Amino acid sequence: MRAVIYLHVFRGDDAQHTADQFDRLCNYVKSQKWQLVHTYRDALTGKRKDRTAYQQMLAGAARHKFDVLVFWSLDRLSREGIMPTITLLQKLTTLNIGYRSFTEPHLDSLGPHHETLMELLATLGKQDKVRSESTRIGLKRMRANNQPGPKGFYAPGRPPVQINLKKAKRLRAEGLSYEKIAKLCGTSKATLYRLLNPLDEIAQKQKKAASERNHLL
């Protein structure tokens, strides 16, 4: 059986650790009496879909250049999330390409419990998709209502302006400048002006109207 190794080197992995992984994977392939035909090696983040060796491995699988893929662990194979990873494993199965995780014996398409494993992974993937969709909808609703998100953080979007408007109006009525009121209220002068200026205009109109009524009387 023709085997290939996919080796993913994370940032921070030392050379000895990487060499040890490679040696143990090679010895494992030999112990199974498989023929090692190629080793694919990436040194980029597992979330990037443009990993060169990873894409070459997929192309080799599509052309049936090997029969079984051996990798150290699932997180070394992919970190794109549950559903994309399940899709990858299902694609390999459809192509009649086997796979085996060295550190996770249950991730073995050549084992007796492969179908049960795939059903379990598919169920987990659906649950993850539902949770992600619910989270997206919830954050969208909180963002629209300016409600606080998880752990006290505001949902993505512009956070609401927290100003004691009553205090600001009182200080303005006492004759304080916008700049001084802004400092006392802990906000910017522009924000304060945007909030209070319409009120100032209304107050001035009311004052003018009252003056005109008194003049008529």
N, C-alpha and C. Protein backbone atom coordinates (compact mmCIF):
# COMPACT_ATOMS: atom_id res chain seq x y z
N MET A 1 0.84 -1.19 0.00
CA MET A 1 0.00 0.00 0.00
C MET A 1 0.88 1.25 0.00
N ARG A 2 0.57 2.19 -0.86
CA ARG A 2 1.36 3.42 -0.97
C ARG A 2 0.90 4.43 0.08
N ALA A 3 1.82 4.89 0.88
CA ALA A 3 1.48 5.82 1.96
C ALA A 3 2.21 7.14 1.78
N VAL A 4 1.57 8.21 2.25
CA VAL A 4 2.22 9.51 2.30
C VAL A 4 2.07 10.06 3.72
N ILE A 5 2.99 10.90 4.10
CA ILE A 5 2.97 11.55 5.41
C ILE A 5 2.69 13.03 5.20
N TYR A 6 1.77 13.55 6.00
CA TYR A 6 1.59 15.01 6.00
C TYR A 6 2.14 15.52 7.33
N LEU A 7 3.13 16.39 7.23
CA LEU A 7 3.81 16.92 8.40
C LEU A 7 3.59 18.43 8.45
N HIS A 8 3.01 18.88 9.53
CA HIS A 8 2.73 20.30 9.68
C HIS A 8 3.54 20.85 10.85
N VAL A 9 4.44 21.76 10.55
CA VAL A 9 5.31 22.35 11.56
C VAL A 9 4.71 23.66 12.03
N PHE A 10 4.39 23.75 13.31
CA PHE A 10 3.84 24.98 13.87
C PHE A 10 4.96 25.96 14.20
N ARG A 11 4.60 27.23 14.22
CA ARG A 11 5.55 28.24 14.65
C ARG A 11 5.88 27.99 16.13
N GLY A 12 7.13 27.93 16.44
CA GLY A 12 7.54 27.66 17.81
C GLY A 12 8.03 26.24 18.01
N ASP A 13 7.72 25.34 17.06
CA ASP A 13 8.24 23.97 17.15
C ASP A 13 9.75 23.99 16.96
N ASP A 14 10.48 23.32 17.83
CA ASP A 14 11.92 23.28 17.63
C ASP A 14 12.27 22.17 16.64
N ALA A 15 13.47 22.23 16.10
CA ALA A 15 13.89 21.30 15.05
C ALA A 15 13.89 19.85 15.55
N GLN A 16 14.28 19.66 16.80
CA GLN A 16 14.34 18.30 17.35
C GLN A 16 12.95 17.68 17.45
N HIS A 17 11.99 18.49 17.87
CA HIS A 17 10.60 18.01 17.99
C HIS A 17 10.06 17.61 16.62
N THR A 18 10.32 18.45 15.61
CA THR A 18 9.86 18.15 14.25
C THR A 18 10.52 16.88 13.71
N ALA A 19 11.82 16.76 13.92
CA ALA A 19 12.55 15.58 13.46
C ALA A 19 12.04 14.32 14.14
N ASP A 20 11.71 14.43 15.42
CA ASP A 20 11.18 13.29 16.16
C ASP A 20 9.84 12.85 15.60
N GLN A 21 8.97 13.80 15.30
CA GLN A 21 7.68 13.47 14.70
C GLN A 21 7.87 12.74 13.38
N PHE A 22 8.73 13.28 12.55
CA PHE A 22 8.96 12.69 11.23
C PHE A 22 9.50 11.26 11.35
N ASP A 23 10.47 11.06 12.24
CA ASP A 23 11.05 9.73 12.41
C ASP A 23 10.00 8.72 12.89
N ARG A 24 9.17 9.14 13.83
CA ARG A 24 8.17 8.22 14.37
C ARG A 24 7.09 7.89 13.33
N LEU A 25 6.75 8.86 12.51
CA LEU A 25 5.77 8.60 11.44
C LEU A 25 6.37 7.65 10.40
N CYS A 26 7.63 7.88 10.06
CA CYS A 26 8.30 6.99 9.09
C CYS A 26 8.38 5.56 9.63
N ASN A 27 8.75 5.42 10.89
CA ASN A 27 8.84 4.09 11.49
C ASN A 27 7.48 3.41 11.54
N TYR A 28 6.44 4.23 11.77
CA TYR A 28 5.10 3.66 11.81
C TYR A 28 4.69 3.11 10.44
N VAL A 29 4.98 3.90 9.40
CA VAL A 29 4.66 3.44 8.04
C VAL A 29 5.38 2.13 7.75
N LYS A 30 6.65 2.04 8.14
CA LYS A 30 7.43 0.81 7.92
C LYS A 30 6.84 -0.36 8.69
N SER A 31 6.38 -0.08 9.93
CA SER A 31 5.82 -1.16 10.75
C SER A 31 4.55 -1.74 10.15
N GLN A 32 3.84 -0.92 9.35
CA GLN A 32 2.61 -1.39 8.69
C GLN A 32 2.91 -2.06 7.35
N LYS A 33 4.23 -2.08 7.01
CA LYS A 33 4.67 -2.67 5.73
C LYS A 33 4.06 -1.91 4.54
N TRP A 34 3.96 -0.61 4.70
CA TRP A 34 3.49 0.24 3.62
C TRP A 34 4.70 0.86 2.92
N GLN A 35 4.50 1.29 1.69
CA GLN A 35 5.56 1.95 0.93
C GLN A 35 5.40 3.47 1.06
N LEU A 36 6.39 4.13 1.66
CA LEU A 36 6.34 5.58 1.78
C LEU A 36 6.76 6.21 0.46
N VAL A 37 5.81 6.86 -0.21
CA VAL A 37 6.09 7.41 -1.53
C VAL A 37 6.34 8.92 -1.51
N HIS A 38 5.88 9.59 -0.46
CA HIS A 38 6.10 11.04 -0.42
C HIS A 38 5.81 11.58 0.98
N THR A 39 6.45 12.71 1.31
CA THR A 39 6.17 13.43 2.54
C THR A 39 5.80 14.87 2.19
N TYR A 40 4.63 15.29 2.63
CA TYR A 40 4.18 16.67 2.43
C TYR A 40 4.45 17.44 3.72
N ARG A 41 5.10 18.58 3.57
CA ARG A 41 5.49 19.34 4.77
C ARG A 41 5.09 20.81 4.60
N ASP A 42 4.36 21.33 5.60
CA ASP A 42 3.98 22.74 5.64
C ASP A 42 4.50 23.37 6.91
N ALA A 43 4.79 24.66 6.85
CA ALA A 43 5.28 25.37 8.03
C ALA A 43 4.50 26.66 8.24
N LEU A 44 3.23 26.63 7.85
CA LEU A 44 2.37 27.81 8.00
C LEU A 44 1.24 27.49 8.96
N THR A 45 0.46 28.50 9.32
CA THR A 45 -0.66 28.29 10.20
C THR A 45 -1.67 27.33 9.60
N GLY A 46 -2.24 26.47 10.44
CA GLY A 46 -3.18 25.45 9.97
C GLY A 46 -4.50 26.00 9.47
N LYS A 47 -4.75 27.31 9.69
CA LYS A 47 -6.01 27.89 9.24
C LYS A 47 -5.94 28.35 7.80
N ARG A 48 -4.73 28.48 7.28
CA ARG A 48 -4.59 28.99 5.92
C ARG A 48 -4.88 27.90 4.90
N LYS A 49 -5.81 28.23 3.97
CA LYS A 49 -6.21 27.26 2.97
C LYS A 49 -5.22 27.17 1.81
N ASP A 50 -4.27 28.13 1.73
CA ASP A 50 -3.33 28.13 0.61
C ASP A 50 -2.03 27.43 0.95
N ARG A 51 -2.05 26.59 2.00
CA ARG A 51 -0.85 25.83 2.35
C ARG A 51 -0.42 24.99 1.14
N THR A 52 0.79 25.22 0.69
CA THR A 52 1.25 24.60 -0.55
C THR A 52 1.26 23.08 -0.48
N ALA A 53 1.91 22.52 0.55
CA ALA A 53 2.01 21.07 0.65
C ALA A 53 0.63 20.44 0.87
N TYR A 54 -0.21 21.11 1.63
CA TYR A 54 -1.57 20.61 1.87
C TYR A 54 -2.35 20.52 0.56
N GLN A 55 -2.26 21.56 -0.26
CA GLN A 55 -2.94 21.55 -1.56
C GLN A 55 -2.36 20.49 -2.48
N GLN A 56 -1.04 20.30 -2.41
CA GLN A 56 -0.41 19.25 -3.22
C GLN A 56 -0.89 17.86 -2.78
N MET A 57 -1.07 17.71 -1.47
CA MET A 57 -1.57 16.44 -0.96
C MET A 57 -2.98 16.16 -1.49
N LEU A 58 -3.84 17.17 -1.49
CA LEU A 58 -5.20 17.01 -1.99
C LEU A 58 -5.19 16.67 -3.49
N ALA A 59 -4.30 17.34 -4.22
CA ALA A 59 -4.20 17.06 -5.66
C ALA A 59 -3.70 15.64 -5.89
N GLY A 60 -2.75 15.20 -5.08
CA GLY A 60 -2.25 13.83 -5.20
C GLY A 60 -3.32 12.80 -4.88
N ALA A 61 -4.18 13.12 -3.90
CA ALA A 61 -5.28 12.21 -3.56
C ALA A 61 -6.27 12.11 -4.72
N ALA A 62 -6.56 13.26 -5.34
CA ALA A 62 -7.51 13.27 -6.46
C ALA A 62 -6.99 12.46 -7.63
N ARG A 63 -5.65 12.39 -7.80
CA ARG A 63 -5.05 11.63 -8.89
C ARG A 63 -4.64 10.22 -8.46
N HIS A 64 -5.05 9.86 -7.23
CA HIS A 64 -4.78 8.52 -6.69
C HIS A 64 -3.29 8.16 -6.73
N LYS A 65 -2.48 9.13 -6.28
CA LYS A 65 -1.04 8.88 -6.24
C LYS A 65 -0.62 8.14 -4.97
N PHE A 66 -1.56 7.97 -4.04
CA PHE A 66 -1.27 7.20 -2.83
C PHE A 66 -2.56 6.55 -2.33
N ASP A 67 -2.42 5.65 -1.39
CA ASP A 67 -3.57 4.90 -0.89
C ASP A 67 -3.97 5.26 0.54
N VAL A 68 -2.99 5.76 1.31
CA VAL A 68 -3.30 6.10 2.70
C VAL A 68 -2.49 7.33 3.13
N LEU A 69 -3.16 8.20 3.87
CA LEU A 69 -2.53 9.41 4.39
C LEU A 69 -2.29 9.22 5.89
N VAL A 70 -1.06 9.48 6.31
CA VAL A 70 -0.69 9.36 7.72
C VAL A 70 -0.30 10.74 8.24
N PHE A 71 -0.88 11.13 9.37
CA PHE A 71 -0.55 12.42 9.96
C PHE A 71 -0.42 12.27 11.47
N TRP A 72 0.22 13.25 12.10
CA TRP A 72 0.50 13.16 13.53
C TRP A 72 -0.76 13.25 14.37
N SER A 73 -1.60 14.27 14.10
CA SER A 73 -2.86 14.46 14.82
C SER A 73 -3.78 15.31 13.96
N LEU A 74 -5.05 15.30 14.30
CA LEU A 74 -6.02 16.01 13.47
C LEU A 74 -5.75 17.52 13.46
N ASP A 75 -5.31 18.08 14.59
CA ASP A 75 -5.04 19.51 14.61
C ASP A 75 -3.79 19.87 13.81
N ARG A 76 -2.97 18.88 13.51
CA ARG A 76 -1.81 19.12 12.64
C ARG A 76 -2.21 19.02 11.17
N LEU A 77 -3.30 18.34 10.93
CA LEU A 77 -3.78 18.22 9.55
C LEU A 77 -4.56 19.45 9.14
N SER A 78 -5.44 19.93 10.03
CA SER A 78 -6.26 21.09 9.69
C SER A 78 -6.78 21.76 10.95
N ARG A 79 -6.85 23.10 10.88
CA ARG A 79 -7.45 23.89 11.96
C ARG A 79 -8.54 24.79 11.41
N GLU A 80 -9.17 24.35 10.35
CA GLU A 80 -10.17 25.17 9.67
C GLU A 80 -11.55 25.05 10.31
N GLY A 81 -11.70 24.25 11.35
CA GLY A 81 -13.01 24.06 11.96
C GLY A 81 -13.51 22.65 11.71
N ILE A 82 -14.58 22.31 12.43
CA ILE A 82 -15.08 20.93 12.37
C ILE A 82 -15.59 20.56 10.99
N MET A 83 -16.49 21.38 10.43
CA MET A 83 -17.11 21.02 9.16
C MET A 83 -16.11 20.90 8.01
N PRO A 84 -15.19 21.87 7.81
CA PRO A 84 -14.21 21.71 6.73
C PRO A 84 -13.33 20.47 6.92
N THR A 85 -12.99 20.16 8.18
CA THR A 85 -12.16 18.99 8.43
C THR A 85 -12.92 17.71 8.12
N ILE A 86 -14.19 17.65 8.53
CA ILE A 86 -15.01 16.48 8.22
C ILE A 86 -15.17 16.33 6.72
N THR A 87 -15.36 17.46 6.02
CA THR A 87 -15.49 17.42 4.56
C THR A 87 -14.23 16.84 3.92
N LEU A 88 -13.07 17.22 4.46
CA LEU A 88 -11.81 16.68 3.95
C LEU A 88 -11.75 15.17 4.13
N LEU A 89 -12.09 14.68 5.33
CA LEU A 89 -12.03 13.24 5.60
C LEU A 89 -13.03 12.49 4.73
N GLN A 90 -14.21 13.09 4.53
CA GLN A 90 -15.22 12.46 3.67
C GLN A 90 -14.75 12.42 2.22
N LYS A 91 -14.06 13.47 1.80
CA LYS A 91 -13.54 13.52 0.43
C LYS A 91 -12.51 12.42 0.22
N LEU A 92 -11.62 12.23 1.19
CA LEU A 92 -10.63 11.16 1.08
C LEU A 92 -11.31 9.80 1.00
N THR A 93 -12.36 9.62 1.81
CA THR A 93 -13.08 8.34 1.79
C THR A 93 -13.73 8.11 0.43
N THR A 94 -14.31 9.18 -0.14
CA THR A 94 -14.95 9.07 -1.45
C THR A 94 -13.93 8.69 -2.53
N LEU A 95 -12.71 9.17 -2.37
CA LEU A 95 -11.65 8.87 -3.33
C LEU A 95 -10.98 7.52 -3.06
N ASN A 96 -11.49 6.80 -2.06
CA ASN A 96 -10.92 5.51 -1.65
C ASN A 96 -9.48 5.68 -1.13
N ILE A 97 -9.25 6.84 -0.50
CA ILE A 97 -7.96 7.11 0.14
C ILE A 97 -8.14 6.93 1.65
N GLY A 98 -7.34 6.08 2.23
CA GLY A 98 -7.42 5.87 3.66
C GLY A 98 -6.66 6.95 4.42
N TYR A 99 -6.94 7.08 5.71
CA TYR A 99 -6.20 8.03 6.54
C TYR A 99 -6.06 7.45 7.94
N ARG A 100 -5.01 7.87 8.61
CA ARG A 100 -4.76 7.37 9.96
C ARG A 100 -3.97 8.42 10.75
N SER A 101 -4.46 8.71 11.95
CA SER A 101 -3.78 9.63 12.86
C SER A 101 -2.87 8.82 13.78
N PHE A 102 -1.62 9.24 13.86
CA PHE A 102 -0.65 8.50 14.66
C PHE A 102 -0.97 8.56 16.15
N THR A 103 -1.41 9.72 16.64
CA THR A 103 -1.66 9.89 18.08
C THR A 103 -3.12 9.71 18.46
N GLU A 104 -3.99 9.49 17.48
CA GLU A 104 -5.43 9.32 17.75
C GLU A 104 -5.92 8.05 17.07
N PRO A 105 -5.80 6.92 17.75
CA PRO A 105 -6.13 5.63 17.13
C PRO A 105 -7.57 5.54 16.60
N HIS A 106 -8.48 6.34 17.18
CA HIS A 106 -9.87 6.28 16.73
C HIS A 106 -10.04 6.94 15.36
N LEU A 107 -9.09 7.81 14.97
CA LEU A 107 -9.17 8.43 13.65
C LEU A 107 -8.44 7.55 12.64
N ASP A 108 -9.13 6.49 12.25
CA ASP A 108 -8.53 5.47 11.39
C ASP A 108 -9.59 4.97 10.43
N SER A 109 -9.49 5.40 9.18
CA SER A 109 -10.49 4.97 8.19
C SER A 109 -10.33 3.51 7.81
N LEU A 110 -9.19 2.91 8.17
CA LEU A 110 -8.95 1.50 7.85
C LEU A 110 -9.41 0.59 8.98
N GLY A 111 -9.85 1.18 10.08
CA GLY A 111 -10.29 0.40 11.23
C GLY A 111 -11.73 -0.07 11.12
N PRO A 112 -12.18 -0.90 12.07
CA PRO A 112 -13.52 -1.47 12.01
C PRO A 112 -14.64 -0.50 12.37
N HIS A 113 -14.31 0.63 12.98
CA HIS A 113 -15.35 1.55 13.44
C HIS A 113 -15.38 2.84 12.63
N HIS A 114 -14.93 2.77 11.40
CA HIS A 114 -14.83 3.97 10.58
C HIS A 114 -16.19 4.62 10.34
N GLU A 115 -17.22 3.83 9.98
CA GLU A 115 -18.53 4.40 9.68
C GLU A 115 -19.14 5.06 10.91
N THR A 116 -18.99 4.43 12.07
CA THR A 116 -19.50 5.02 13.31
C THR A 116 -18.81 6.33 13.61
N LEU A 117 -17.50 6.37 13.38
CA LEU A 117 -16.73 7.58 13.61
C LEU A 117 -17.22 8.72 12.72
N MET A 118 -17.44 8.44 11.45
CA MET A 118 -17.87 9.48 10.52
C MET A 118 -19.26 9.99 10.88
N GLU A 119 -20.13 9.11 11.33
CA GLU A 119 -21.47 9.55 11.75
C GLU A 119 -21.37 10.48 12.96
N LEU A 120 -20.48 10.14 13.90
CA LEU A 120 -20.30 10.97 15.08
C LEU A 120 -19.73 12.34 14.71
N LEU A 121 -18.72 12.35 13.85
CA LEU A 121 -18.12 13.61 13.43
C LEU A 121 -19.13 14.48 12.68
N ALA A 122 -19.97 13.85 11.85
CA ALA A 122 -20.98 14.59 11.10
C ALA A 122 -21.99 15.23 12.05
N THR A 123 -22.38 14.49 13.10
CA THR A 123 -23.31 15.03 14.10
C THR A 123 -22.71 16.22 14.82
N LEU A 124 -21.43 16.09 15.21
CA LEU A 124 -20.75 17.19 15.88
C LEU A 124 -20.63 18.40 14.96
N GLY A 125 -20.39 18.14 13.68
CA GLY A 125 -20.28 19.22 12.71
C GLY A 125 -21.59 19.98 12.55
N LYS A 126 -22.71 19.26 12.54
CA LYS A 126 -24.01 19.91 12.42
C LYS A 126 -24.31 20.75 13.64
N GLN A 127 -23.97 20.24 14.83
CA GLN A 127 -24.19 20.99 16.06
C GLN A 127 -23.34 22.25 16.07
N ASP A 128 -22.10 22.14 15.59
CA ASP A 128 -21.21 23.31 15.54
C ASP A 128 -21.76 24.35 14.58
N LYS A 129 -22.32 23.90 13.47
CA LYS A 129 -22.88 24.82 12.49
C LYS A 129 -24.08 25.56 13.07
N VAL A 130 -24.94 24.83 13.80
CA VAL A 130 -26.11 25.45 14.42
C VAL A 130 -25.69 26.48 15.46
N ARG A 131 -24.67 26.12 16.28
CA ARG A 131 -24.19 27.05 17.29
C ARG A 131 -23.60 28.30 16.66
N SER A 132 -22.85 28.13 15.58
CA SER A 132 -22.24 29.28 14.91
C SER A 132 -23.31 30.20 14.33
N GLU A 133 -24.35 29.62 13.74
CA GLU A 133 -25.43 30.41 13.17
C GLU A 133 -26.20 31.15 14.26
N SER A 134 -26.44 30.47 15.38
CA SER A 134 -27.15 31.09 16.49
C SER A 134 -26.34 32.25 17.07
N THR A 135 -25.02 32.04 17.18
CA THR A 135 -24.15 33.10 17.69
C THR A 135 -24.15 34.30 16.75
N ARG A 136 -24.11 34.03 15.45
CA ARG A 136 -24.10 35.12 14.47
C ARG A 136 -25.39 35.93 14.56
N ILE A 137 -26.52 35.26 14.66
CA ILE A 137 -27.81 35.95 14.75
C ILE A 137 -27.91 36.74 16.05
N GLY A 138 -27.44 36.12 17.14
CA GLY A 138 -27.49 36.78 18.44
C GLY A 138 -26.64 38.05 18.47
N LEU A 139 -25.42 37.98 17.91
CA LEU A 139 -24.55 39.15 17.87
C LEU A 139 -25.13 40.25 16.99
N LYS A 140 -25.78 39.85 15.91
CA LYS A 140 -26.40 40.82 15.02
C LYS A 140 -27.52 41.55 15.74
N ARG A 141 -28.31 40.79 16.51
CA ARG A 141 -29.41 41.40 17.25
C ARG A 141 -28.89 42.34 18.34
N MET A 142 -27.84 41.90 19.06
CA MET A 142 -27.27 42.75 20.12
C MET A 142 -26.64 44.01 19.53
N ARG A 143 -26.02 43.86 18.36
CA ARG A 143 -25.40 45.01 17.71
C ARG A 143 -26.46 46.03 17.32
N ALA A 144 -27.60 45.52 16.84
CA ALA A 144 -28.68 46.42 16.43
C ALA A 144 -29.29 47.14 17.63
N ASN A 145 -29.30 46.47 18.78
CA ASN A 145 -29.92 47.05 19.98
C ASN A 145 -28.91 47.66 20.94
N ASN A 146 -27.63 47.66 20.54
CA ASN A 146 -26.56 48.18 21.41
C ASN A 146 -26.56 47.49 22.77
N GLN A 147 -26.75 46.18 22.74
CA GLN A 147 -26.75 45.40 23.98
C GLN A 147 -25.37 44.82 24.21
N PRO A 148 -24.97 44.63 25.49
CA PRO A 148 -23.66 44.05 25.78
C PRO A 148 -23.60 42.60 25.33
N GLY A 149 -22.44 42.20 24.79
CA GLY A 149 -22.25 40.83 24.35
C GLY A 149 -21.69 39.96 25.45
N PRO A 150 -21.14 38.78 25.13
CA PRO A 150 -20.61 37.86 26.13
C PRO A 150 -19.50 38.50 26.96
N LYS A 151 -19.47 38.15 28.25
CA LYS A 151 -18.43 38.58 29.20
C LYS A 151 -18.33 40.10 29.29
N GLY A 152 -19.47 40.78 29.07
CA GLY A 152 -19.49 42.22 29.26
C GLY A 152 -19.00 43.03 28.09
N PHE A 153 -18.54 42.38 27.02
CA PHE A 153 -18.07 43.12 25.86
C PHE A 153 -19.26 43.41 24.95
N TYR A 154 -19.20 44.54 24.27
CA TYR A 154 -20.27 44.87 23.35
C TYR A 154 -20.12 44.09 22.05
N ALA A 155 -21.26 43.77 21.48
CA ALA A 155 -21.25 43.05 20.21
C ALA A 155 -20.55 43.92 19.18
N PRO A 156 -19.95 43.27 18.13
CA PRO A 156 -19.23 44.03 17.12
C PRO A 156 -20.08 45.17 16.56
N GLY A 157 -19.48 46.29 16.36
CA GLY A 157 -20.20 47.47 15.92
C GLY A 157 -19.86 48.63 16.83
N ARG A 158 -20.40 49.77 16.56
CA ARG A 158 -20.09 50.95 17.35
C ARG A 158 -20.76 50.85 18.72
N PRO A 159 -19.99 50.95 19.83
CA PRO A 159 -20.60 50.85 21.16
C PRO A 159 -21.43 52.08 21.47
N PRO A 160 -22.44 51.94 22.30
CA PRO A 160 -23.29 53.08 22.64
C PRO A 160 -22.51 54.11 23.46
N VAL A 161 -22.88 55.39 23.27
CA VAL A 161 -22.24 56.46 24.02
C VAL A 161 -22.91 56.57 25.38
N GLN A 162 -22.11 56.48 26.44
CA GLN A 162 -22.63 56.55 27.80
C GLN A 162 -22.34 57.94 28.38
N ILE A 163 -23.35 58.81 28.40
CA ILE A 163 -23.18 60.17 28.90
C ILE A 163 -24.36 60.50 29.83
N ASN A 164 -24.05 61.15 30.92
CA ASN A 164 -25.09 61.65 31.82
C ASN A 164 -25.64 62.93 31.20
N LEU A 165 -26.66 62.75 30.36
CA LEU A 165 -27.18 63.89 29.59
C LEU A 165 -27.82 64.94 30.49
N LYS A 166 -28.44 64.48 31.56
CA LYS A 166 -29.08 65.42 32.49
C LYS A 166 -28.05 66.35 33.13
N LYS A 167 -26.91 65.75 33.53
CA LYS A 167 -25.83 66.53 34.12
C LYS A 167 -25.25 67.50 33.09
N ALA A 168 -25.08 67.00 31.85
CA ALA A 168 -24.51 67.85 30.80
C ALA A 168 -25.42 69.05 30.52
N LYS A 169 -26.72 68.81 30.48
CA LYS A 169 -27.66 69.91 30.23
C LYS A 169 -27.63 70.94 31.36
N ARG A 170 -27.53 70.43 32.60
CA ARG A 170 -27.48 71.34 33.74
C ARG A 170 -26.23 72.22 33.70
N LEU A 171 -25.09 71.60 33.39
CA LEU A 171 -23.84 72.36 33.31
C LEU A 171 -23.87 73.38 32.18
N ARG A 172 -24.52 73.00 31.08
CA ARG A 172 -24.63 73.91 29.94
C ARG A 172 -25.51 75.09 30.31
N ALA A 173 -26.58 74.81 31.06
CA ALA A 173 -27.48 75.88 31.49
C ALA A 173 -26.79 76.84 32.45
N GLU A 174 -25.78 76.33 33.16
CA GLU A 174 -25.02 77.17 34.08
C GLU A 174 -23.98 78.01 33.36
N GLY A 175 -23.86 77.78 32.05
CA GLY A 175 -22.97 78.61 31.25
C GLY A 175 -21.61 78.03 30.96
N LEU A 176 -21.38 76.75 31.33
CA LEU A 176 -20.08 76.14 31.07
C LEU A 176 -19.91 75.87 29.58
N SER A 177 -18.67 75.90 29.12
CA SER A 177 -18.38 75.65 27.70
C SER A 177 -18.48 74.16 27.39
N TYR A 178 -18.63 73.86 26.09
CA TYR A 178 -18.70 72.46 25.65
C TYR A 178 -17.42 71.71 26.04
N GLU A 179 -16.28 72.38 25.90
CA GLU A 179 -15.00 71.73 26.19
C GLU A 179 -14.92 71.33 27.66
N LYS A 180 -15.36 72.21 28.55
CA LYS A 180 -15.28 71.91 29.98
C LYS A 180 -16.28 70.83 30.37
N ILE A 181 -17.49 70.91 29.80
CA ILE A 181 -18.51 69.89 30.09
C ILE A 181 -18.05 68.52 29.60
N ALA A 182 -17.40 68.49 28.43
CA ALA A 182 -16.91 67.23 27.87
C ALA A 182 -15.92 66.57 28.82
N LYS A 183 -15.02 67.38 29.40
CA LYS A 183 -14.05 66.83 30.34
C LYS A 183 -14.73 66.30 31.60
N LEU A 184 -15.72 67.03 32.09
CA LEU A 184 -16.42 66.62 33.31
C LEU A 184 -17.26 65.36 33.09
N CYS A 185 -17.76 65.19 31.86
CA CYS A 185 -18.62 64.03 31.55
C CYS A 185 -17.85 62.87 30.94
N GLY A 186 -16.55 63.05 30.71
CA GLY A 186 -15.74 61.96 30.18
C GLY A 186 -16.04 61.59 28.75
N THR A 187 -16.26 62.58 27.91
CA THR A 187 -16.54 62.32 26.50
C THR A 187 -15.83 63.36 25.66
N SER A 188 -16.02 63.28 24.34
CA SER A 188 -15.37 64.24 23.45
C SER A 188 -16.27 65.47 23.26
N LYS A 189 -15.64 66.55 22.90
CA LYS A 189 -16.38 67.78 22.65
C LYS A 189 -17.35 67.61 21.47
N ALA A 190 -16.88 66.89 20.44
CA ALA A 190 -17.73 66.69 19.25
C ALA A 190 -18.98 65.90 19.60
N THR A 191 -18.80 64.83 20.39
CA THR A 191 -19.96 64.02 20.78
C THR A 191 -20.93 64.83 21.62
N LEU A 192 -20.39 65.59 22.56
CA LEU A 192 -21.24 66.41 23.42
C LEU A 192 -22.00 67.46 22.61
N TYR A 193 -21.29 68.08 21.66
CA TYR A 193 -21.93 69.10 20.83
C TYR A 193 -23.05 68.49 20.00
N ARG A 194 -22.79 67.27 19.49
CA ARG A 194 -23.82 66.61 18.66
C ARG A 194 -25.07 66.32 19.48
N LEU A 195 -24.88 65.99 20.76
CA LEU A 195 -26.03 65.65 21.61
C LEU A 195 -26.74 66.89 22.17
N LEU A 196 -25.97 67.92 22.53
CA LEU A 196 -26.55 69.07 23.20
C LEU A 196 -26.95 70.21 22.28
N ASN A 197 -26.31 70.31 21.12
CA ASN A 197 -26.59 71.44 20.24
C ASN A 197 -28.06 71.52 19.83
N PRO A 198 -28.71 70.39 19.45
CA PRO A 198 -30.14 70.47 19.15
C PRO A 198 -30.94 70.96 20.35
N LEU A 199 -30.54 70.54 21.57
CA LEU A 199 -31.24 70.99 22.77
C LEU A 199 -31.04 72.48 22.99
N ASP A 200 -29.82 72.96 22.69
CA ASP A 200 -29.55 74.40 22.81
C ASP A 200 -30.44 75.20 21.87
N GLU A 201 -30.57 74.69 20.63
CA GLU A 201 -31.39 75.39 19.65
C GLU A 201 -32.85 75.45 20.10
N ILE A 202 -33.32 74.30 20.64
CA ILE A 202 -34.70 74.27 21.12
C ILE A 202 -34.89 75.25 22.28
N ALA A 203 -33.90 75.23 23.21
CA ALA A 203 -33.98 76.13 24.37
C ALA A 203 -33.99 77.59 23.93
N GLN A 204 -33.16 77.90 22.95
CA GLN A 204 -33.09 79.28 22.47
C GLN A 204 -34.41 79.69 21.81
N LYS A 205 -35.00 78.76 21.05
CA LYS A 205 -36.28 79.08 20.41
C LYS A 205 -37.37 79.29 21.45
N GLN A 206 -37.36 78.43 22.49
CA GLN A 206 -38.35 78.58 23.55
C GLN A 206 -38.16 79.90 24.29
N LYS A 207 -36.88 80.26 24.56
CA LYS A 207 -36.58 81.51 25.24
C LYS A 207 -37.02 82.71 24.41
N LYS A 208 -36.81 82.63 23.09
CA LYS A 208 -37.19 83.71 22.20
C LYS A 208 -38.70 83.85 22.14
N ALA A 209 -39.40 82.69 22.07
CA ALA A 209 -40.86 82.71 22.02
C ALA A 209 -41.43 83.31 23.30
N ALA A 210 -40.84 82.94 24.45
CA ALA A 210 -41.32 83.46 25.73
C ALA A 210 -41.10 84.97 25.81
N SER A 211 -39.96 85.42 25.27
CA SER A 211 -39.66 86.85 25.27
C SER A 211 -40.65 87.62 24.42
N GLU A 212 -41.02 87.03 23.27
CA GLU A 212 -41.97 87.68 22.38
C GLU A 212 -43.35 87.75 23.04
N ARG A 213 -43.73 86.72 23.78
CA ARG A 213 -45.03 86.73 24.45
C ARG A 213 -45.07 87.78 25.54
N ASN A 214 -43.96 87.88 26.29
CA ASN A 214 -43.89 88.90 27.33
C ASN A 214 -43.94 90.31 26.75
N HIS A 215 -43.33 90.45 25.56
CA HIS A 215 -43.32 91.76 24.92
C HIS A 215 -44.73 92.18 24.51
N LEU A 216 -45.51 91.17 24.02
CA LEU A 216 -46.88 91.45 23.61
C LEU A 216 -47.75 91.80 24.79
N LEU A 217 -47.46 91.16 25.94
CA LEU A 217 -48.25 91.44 27.12
C LEU A 217 -47.92 92.83 27.67
